[in-house]
Structure formats: C-alpha cells, structure tokens
Amino acid sequence: MISAKEARDLYEQTNLNIEKYLAKDIEPFIVKAIEHGKCQCFILVASAPCYMNITPNTFQRAVMEELKKLNYTVKFRSYGDKYIPSGIADDYSGNGQNYLNHGFEISW
C-alpha cells in the first residue's frame, strides 16, 4: 500500500500533467478556433465502432473539470459522420461505415 505522502505526490503529478495537456494539446485548438471566428472546437480523443459506448477516463474527466473551472462549456461526445478507418479498409467486412470519432466539444 502506498503511503499518504506518495499518494499526494502522485496526485500533484497528475495535476501537473493536466496543466501540460491543457497548454500543449487543448489551448492551440482553442486559439486556432478563435482566429477563425469560431466559438467552439472539437478535439479528437478516440475513434471506435459506433456500437461501443465510449466514456471519458479519469484523466479526461479531470481535464474537463479543469476546463469548467476556467468557465468553458465542455462535453464528451461523438461527432462527425460514420466512416471506415483506412487501416481496416482492406479487410472490410461489409458491415458498412461503423466508426465514429469521440472527443471534447469545448465552447466559450
């Protein structure tokens, strides 16, 4: 069992990782959307067959909470049209286009 100090240190590292993720992976999308006159952006997190129920993991939920603290509106949802990923186009089963993108919808 980890000690309370180790748990606290691990927790603080997670917060640092969230800050790095926001600065490196989220902020550029927001700035680019603003430069193009938009008031929202979508950030891809995962792609999966449409029959799978994709939910945010612990880190992604923490990122969403951090964005909400900064007064953004954040949703985790699927977006775009269904498609066949190019990596499996050769072994296509004939089931149709069944993959969807999932990610953050951030608006301000």
N, C-alpha and C. Protein backbone atom coordinates (compact mmCIF):
# COMPACT_ATOMS: atom_id res chain seq x y z
N MET A 1 0.85 -1.18 0.00
CA MET A 1 0.00 0.00 0.00
C MET A 1 0.89 1.24 0.00
N ILE A 2 0.53 2.21 -0.84
CA ILE A 2 1.34 3.42 -0.89
C ILE A 2 1.01 4.32 0.30
N SER A 3 1.97 5.09 0.71
CA SER A 3 1.78 5.99 1.85
C SER A 3 0.97 7.21 1.41
N ALA A 4 0.49 7.95 2.37
CA ALA A 4 -0.27 9.17 2.07
C ALA A 4 0.59 10.18 1.33
N LYS A 5 1.88 10.28 1.70
CA LYS A 5 2.78 11.20 1.02
C LYS A 5 2.95 10.80 -0.45
N GLU A 6 3.12 9.50 -0.70
CA GLU A 6 3.26 9.02 -2.08
C GLU A 6 1.98 9.29 -2.86
N ALA A 7 0.84 9.10 -2.24
CA ALA A 7 -0.44 9.36 -2.90
C ALA A 7 -0.58 10.85 -3.24
N ARG A 8 -0.18 11.71 -2.30
CA ARG A 8 -0.25 13.15 -2.51
C ARG A 8 0.69 13.56 -3.65
N ASP A 9 1.90 13.00 -3.67
CA ASP A 9 2.86 13.31 -4.73
C ASP A 9 2.32 12.87 -6.09
N LEU A 10 1.73 11.70 -6.14
CA LEU A 10 1.16 11.19 -7.39
C LEU A 10 0.01 12.08 -7.85
N TYR A 11 -0.81 12.50 -6.91
CA TYR A 11 -1.93 13.39 -7.22
C TYR A 11 -1.42 14.72 -7.79
N GLU A 12 -0.38 15.28 -7.18
CA GLU A 12 0.18 16.54 -7.66
C GLU A 12 0.79 16.39 -9.05
N GLN A 13 1.41 15.25 -9.34
CA GLN A 13 1.94 14.99 -10.68
C GLN A 13 0.80 14.94 -11.70
N THR A 14 -0.32 14.36 -11.31
CA THR A 14 -1.47 14.30 -12.21
C THR A 14 -1.95 15.71 -12.53
N ASN A 15 -2.00 16.57 -11.52
CA ASN A 15 -2.41 17.96 -11.77
C ASN A 15 -1.44 18.67 -12.70
N LEU A 16 -0.13 18.40 -12.56
CA LEU A 16 0.85 18.98 -13.47
C LEU A 16 0.65 18.46 -14.88
N ASN A 17 0.33 17.17 -15.01
CA ASN A 17 0.08 16.60 -16.33
C ASN A 17 -1.15 17.23 -16.97
N ILE A 18 -2.16 17.51 -16.17
CA ILE A 18 -3.35 18.17 -16.71
C ILE A 18 -2.99 19.55 -17.23
N GLU A 19 -2.21 20.30 -16.46
CA GLU A 19 -1.80 21.63 -16.89
C GLU A 19 -1.00 21.57 -18.19
N LYS A 20 -0.08 20.60 -18.28
CA LYS A 20 0.71 20.44 -19.51
C LYS A 20 -0.19 20.08 -20.69
N TYR A 21 -1.14 19.18 -20.46
CA TYR A 21 -2.07 18.76 -21.52
C TYR A 21 -2.91 19.94 -21.99
N LEU A 22 -3.40 20.73 -21.05
CA LEU A 22 -4.19 21.91 -21.43
C LEU A 22 -3.36 22.88 -22.26
N ALA A 23 -2.13 23.13 -21.83
CA ALA A 23 -1.28 24.09 -22.53
C ALA A 23 -0.83 23.58 -23.89
N LYS A 24 -0.48 22.31 -23.97
CA LYS A 24 0.10 21.77 -25.20
C LYS A 24 -0.94 21.26 -26.19
N ASP A 25 -2.01 20.62 -25.70
CA ASP A 25 -2.94 19.94 -26.59
C ASP A 25 -4.31 20.59 -26.71
N ILE A 26 -4.71 21.39 -25.75
CA ILE A 26 -6.04 21.99 -25.81
C ILE A 26 -5.97 23.46 -26.26
N GLU A 27 -5.11 24.23 -25.63
CA GLU A 27 -5.04 25.66 -25.91
C GLU A 27 -4.81 25.98 -27.39
N PRO A 28 -3.91 25.28 -28.11
CA PRO A 28 -3.74 25.62 -29.53
C PRO A 28 -5.02 25.45 -30.36
N PHE A 29 -5.83 24.45 -30.04
CA PHE A 29 -7.10 24.27 -30.76
C PHE A 29 -8.05 25.43 -30.48
N ILE A 30 -8.09 25.87 -29.22
CA ILE A 30 -8.97 26.98 -28.85
C ILE A 30 -8.52 28.26 -29.56
N VAL A 31 -7.22 28.53 -29.52
CA VAL A 31 -6.69 29.74 -30.17
C VAL A 31 -6.96 29.71 -31.67
N LYS A 32 -6.75 28.56 -32.30
CA LYS A 32 -6.98 28.45 -33.74
C LYS A 32 -8.46 28.67 -34.07
N ALA A 33 -9.34 28.12 -33.25
CA ALA A 33 -10.78 28.31 -33.48
C ALA A 33 -11.15 29.79 -33.36
N ILE A 34 -10.60 30.46 -32.35
CA ILE A 34 -10.87 31.89 -32.16
C ILE A 34 -10.37 32.69 -33.36
N GLU A 35 -9.17 32.35 -33.85
CA GLU A 35 -8.60 33.05 -35.01
C GLU A 35 -9.47 32.90 -36.24
N HIS A 36 -10.24 31.79 -36.31
CA HIS A 36 -11.13 31.56 -37.44
C HIS A 36 -12.57 32.02 -37.16
N GLY A 37 -12.74 32.77 -36.08
CA GLY A 37 -14.04 33.35 -35.78
C GLY A 37 -15.05 32.37 -35.20
N LYS A 38 -14.58 31.30 -34.62
CA LYS A 38 -15.49 30.30 -34.05
C LYS A 38 -15.59 30.45 -32.54
N CYS A 39 -16.65 29.89 -31.98
CA CYS A 39 -16.82 29.96 -30.53
C CYS A 39 -16.87 28.55 -29.92
N GLN A 40 -16.40 27.57 -30.67
CA GLN A 40 -16.28 26.21 -30.13
C GLN A 40 -15.27 25.43 -30.96
N CYS A 41 -14.77 24.35 -30.37
CA CYS A 41 -13.88 23.46 -31.11
C CYS A 41 -14.10 22.03 -30.64
N PHE A 42 -13.70 21.10 -31.47
CA PHE A 42 -13.78 19.68 -31.16
C PHE A 42 -12.37 19.12 -31.14
N ILE A 43 -12.06 18.35 -30.13
CA ILE A 43 -10.73 17.75 -30.01
C ILE A 43 -10.88 16.25 -29.96
N LEU A 44 -10.32 15.58 -30.95
CA LEU A 44 -10.41 14.13 -31.05
C LEU A 44 -9.68 13.46 -29.90
N VAL A 45 -10.35 12.51 -29.26
CA VAL A 45 -9.75 11.74 -28.18
C VAL A 45 -9.66 10.27 -28.56
N ALA A 46 -10.70 9.77 -29.22
CA ALA A 46 -10.72 8.34 -29.57
C ALA A 46 -11.60 8.13 -30.79
N SER A 47 -11.36 7.02 -31.44
CA SER A 47 -12.19 6.56 -32.54
C SER A 47 -12.56 5.13 -32.24
N ALA A 48 -13.83 4.81 -32.39
CA ALA A 48 -14.28 3.47 -32.02
C ALA A 48 -15.51 3.09 -32.82
N PRO A 49 -15.80 1.79 -32.91
CA PRO A 49 -17.04 1.38 -33.57
C PRO A 49 -18.24 2.03 -32.89
N CYS A 50 -19.25 2.37 -33.69
CA CYS A 50 -20.38 3.13 -33.16
C CYS A 50 -21.19 2.34 -32.13
N TYR A 51 -21.07 1.03 -32.09
CA TYR A 51 -21.81 0.25 -31.11
C TYR A 51 -21.15 0.28 -29.73
N MET A 52 -19.93 0.81 -29.63
CA MET A 52 -19.25 0.90 -28.34
C MET A 52 -19.65 2.20 -27.64
N ASN A 53 -19.89 2.11 -26.36
CA ASN A 53 -20.21 3.29 -25.57
C ASN A 53 -18.91 3.83 -24.98
N ILE A 54 -18.36 4.87 -25.58
CA ILE A 54 -17.10 5.44 -25.15
C ILE A 54 -17.38 6.51 -24.09
N THR A 55 -16.72 6.39 -22.96
CA THR A 55 -16.85 7.38 -21.90
C THR A 55 -15.45 7.89 -21.53
N PRO A 56 -15.36 9.10 -21.02
CA PRO A 56 -14.04 9.64 -20.67
C PRO A 56 -13.43 8.89 -19.49
N ASN A 57 -12.11 8.72 -19.55
CA ASN A 57 -11.41 8.08 -18.43
C ASN A 57 -11.16 9.11 -17.33
N THR A 58 -10.51 8.71 -16.27
CA THR A 58 -10.30 9.58 -15.11
C THR A 58 -9.53 10.84 -15.49
N PHE A 59 -8.47 10.69 -16.27
CA PHE A 59 -7.68 11.86 -16.67
C PHE A 59 -8.52 12.81 -17.53
N GLN A 60 -9.29 12.26 -18.47
CA GLN A 60 -10.12 13.10 -19.34
C GLN A 60 -11.21 13.82 -18.55
N ARG A 61 -11.77 13.15 -17.54
CA ARG A 61 -12.76 13.81 -16.68
C ARG A 61 -12.11 14.95 -15.89
N ALA A 62 -10.87 14.74 -15.44
CA ALA A 62 -10.15 15.80 -14.71
C ALA A 62 -9.88 16.98 -15.63
N VAL A 63 -9.53 16.71 -16.88
CA VAL A 63 -9.31 17.78 -17.85
C VAL A 63 -10.60 18.56 -18.06
N MET A 64 -11.71 17.85 -18.17
CA MET A 64 -13.00 18.51 -18.36
C MET A 64 -13.34 19.39 -17.15
N GLU A 65 -13.08 18.90 -15.97
CA GLU A 65 -13.34 19.68 -14.76
C GLU A 65 -12.48 20.94 -14.72
N GLU A 66 -11.22 20.79 -15.12
CA GLU A 66 -10.31 21.94 -15.14
C GLU A 66 -10.80 22.99 -16.15
N LEU A 67 -11.26 22.55 -17.31
CA LEU A 67 -11.79 23.49 -18.31
C LEU A 67 -13.04 24.18 -17.79
N LYS A 68 -13.88 23.45 -17.07
CA LYS A 68 -15.09 24.05 -16.49
C LYS A 68 -14.73 25.11 -15.46
N LYS A 69 -13.65 24.88 -14.70
CA LYS A 69 -13.19 25.87 -13.73
C LYS A 69 -12.76 27.16 -14.43
N LEU A 70 -12.32 27.02 -15.69
CA LEU A 70 -11.91 28.18 -16.48
C LEU A 70 -13.09 28.77 -17.26
N ASN A 71 -14.30 28.35 -16.92
CA ASN A 71 -15.57 28.84 -17.48
C ASN A 71 -15.84 28.42 -18.93
N TYR A 72 -15.24 27.32 -19.35
CA TYR A 72 -15.58 26.74 -20.65
C TYR A 72 -16.75 25.79 -20.45
N THR A 73 -17.52 25.59 -21.51
CA THR A 73 -18.54 24.55 -21.52
C THR A 73 -17.90 23.36 -22.22
N VAL A 74 -17.92 22.20 -21.58
CA VAL A 74 -17.23 21.03 -22.12
C VAL A 74 -18.17 19.82 -22.12
N LYS A 75 -18.19 19.13 -23.25
CA LYS A 75 -18.94 17.88 -23.36
C LYS A 75 -18.02 16.84 -23.97
N PHE A 76 -18.21 15.59 -23.62
CA PHE A 76 -17.51 14.49 -24.25
C PHE A 76 -18.54 13.77 -25.09
N ARG A 77 -18.37 13.78 -26.40
CA ARG A 77 -19.39 13.20 -27.27
C ARG A 77 -18.80 12.70 -28.58
N SER A 78 -19.62 11.99 -29.31
CA SER A 78 -19.21 11.57 -30.65
C SER A 78 -19.54 12.70 -31.62
N TYR A 79 -18.79 12.77 -32.71
CA TYR A 79 -19.04 13.80 -33.70
C TYR A 79 -18.56 13.35 -35.06
N GLY A 80 -19.10 14.00 -36.07
CA GLY A 80 -18.74 13.66 -37.45
C GLY A 80 -19.58 12.52 -37.98
N ASP A 81 -19.32 12.15 -39.21
CA ASP A 81 -20.03 11.06 -39.85
C ASP A 81 -19.36 9.74 -39.57
N LYS A 82 -20.12 8.65 -39.69
CA LYS A 82 -19.55 7.31 -39.56
C LYS A 82 -18.61 7.06 -40.74
N TYR A 83 -17.59 6.26 -40.51
CA TYR A 83 -16.62 6.01 -41.56
C TYR A 83 -15.94 4.66 -41.36
N ILE A 84 -15.18 4.26 -42.37
CA ILE A 84 -14.35 3.05 -42.30
C ILE A 84 -12.91 3.53 -42.18
N PRO A 85 -12.20 3.20 -41.09
CA PRO A 85 -10.81 3.62 -40.96
C PRO A 85 -9.96 3.04 -42.09
N SER A 86 -9.03 3.83 -42.58
CA SER A 86 -8.21 3.39 -43.72
C SER A 86 -7.40 2.15 -43.39
N GLY A 87 -7.05 1.96 -42.13
CA GLY A 87 -6.25 0.79 -41.74
C GLY A 87 -6.99 -0.53 -41.87
N ILE A 88 -8.33 -0.48 -41.87
CA ILE A 88 -9.07 -1.73 -41.99
C ILE A 88 -9.89 -1.79 -43.29
N ALA A 89 -9.66 -0.84 -44.18
CA ALA A 89 -10.41 -0.82 -45.44
C ALA A 89 -10.15 -2.06 -46.27
N ASP A 90 -8.95 -2.63 -46.18
CA ASP A 90 -8.62 -3.82 -46.97
C ASP A 90 -9.34 -5.06 -46.48
N ASP A 91 -9.56 -5.15 -45.18
CA ASP A 91 -10.25 -6.33 -44.65
C ASP A 91 -11.68 -5.97 -44.25
N TYR A 92 -12.28 -5.12 -45.04
CA TYR A 92 -13.65 -4.65 -44.82
C TYR A 92 -14.62 -5.81 -44.81
N SER A 93 -15.46 -5.86 -43.79
CA SER A 93 -16.38 -6.99 -43.60
C SER A 93 -17.72 -6.81 -44.28
N GLY A 94 -17.98 -5.62 -44.81
CA GLY A 94 -19.26 -5.40 -45.46
C GLY A 94 -20.33 -4.90 -44.51
N ASN A 95 -19.97 -4.56 -43.29
CA ASN A 95 -20.95 -4.09 -42.31
C ASN A 95 -21.26 -2.61 -42.44
N GLY A 96 -20.68 -1.94 -43.39
CA GLY A 96 -20.93 -0.53 -43.57
C GLY A 96 -19.98 0.32 -42.75
N GLN A 97 -20.20 1.60 -42.85
CA GLN A 97 -19.36 2.54 -42.12
C GLN A 97 -19.81 2.53 -40.66
N ASN A 98 -18.94 2.07 -39.78
CA ASN A 98 -19.40 1.93 -38.40
C ASN A 98 -18.46 2.51 -37.36
N TYR A 99 -17.52 3.36 -37.74
CA TYR A 99 -16.64 4.00 -36.76
C TYR A 99 -17.05 5.46 -36.58
N LEU A 100 -16.91 5.94 -35.35
CA LEU A 100 -17.20 7.34 -35.03
C LEU A 100 -16.04 7.93 -34.24
N ASN A 101 -15.84 9.23 -34.40
CA ASN A 101 -14.85 9.95 -33.58
C ASN A 101 -15.52 10.41 -32.30
N HIS A 102 -14.75 10.39 -31.22
CA HIS A 102 -15.23 10.83 -29.91
C HIS A 102 -14.23 11.83 -29.36
N GLY A 103 -14.72 12.81 -28.65
CA GLY A 103 -13.79 13.76 -28.07
C GLY A 103 -14.48 14.88 -27.32
N PHE A 104 -13.69 15.91 -27.06
CA PHE A 104 -14.17 17.06 -26.30
C PHE A 104 -14.83 18.07 -27.24
N GLU A 105 -15.99 18.52 -26.88
CA GLU A 105 -16.61 19.68 -27.52
C GLU A 105 -16.47 20.82 -26.51
N ILE A 106 -15.66 21.80 -26.86
CA ILE A 106 -15.36 22.90 -25.96
C ILE A 106 -15.93 24.18 -26.56
N SER A 107 -16.69 24.90 -25.76
CA SER A 107 -17.24 26.17 -26.26
C SER A 107 -17.04 27.26 -25.20
N TRP A 108 -17.11 28.50 -25.68
CA TRP A 108 -16.88 29.64 -24.79
C TRP A 108 -17.80 30.78 -25.15
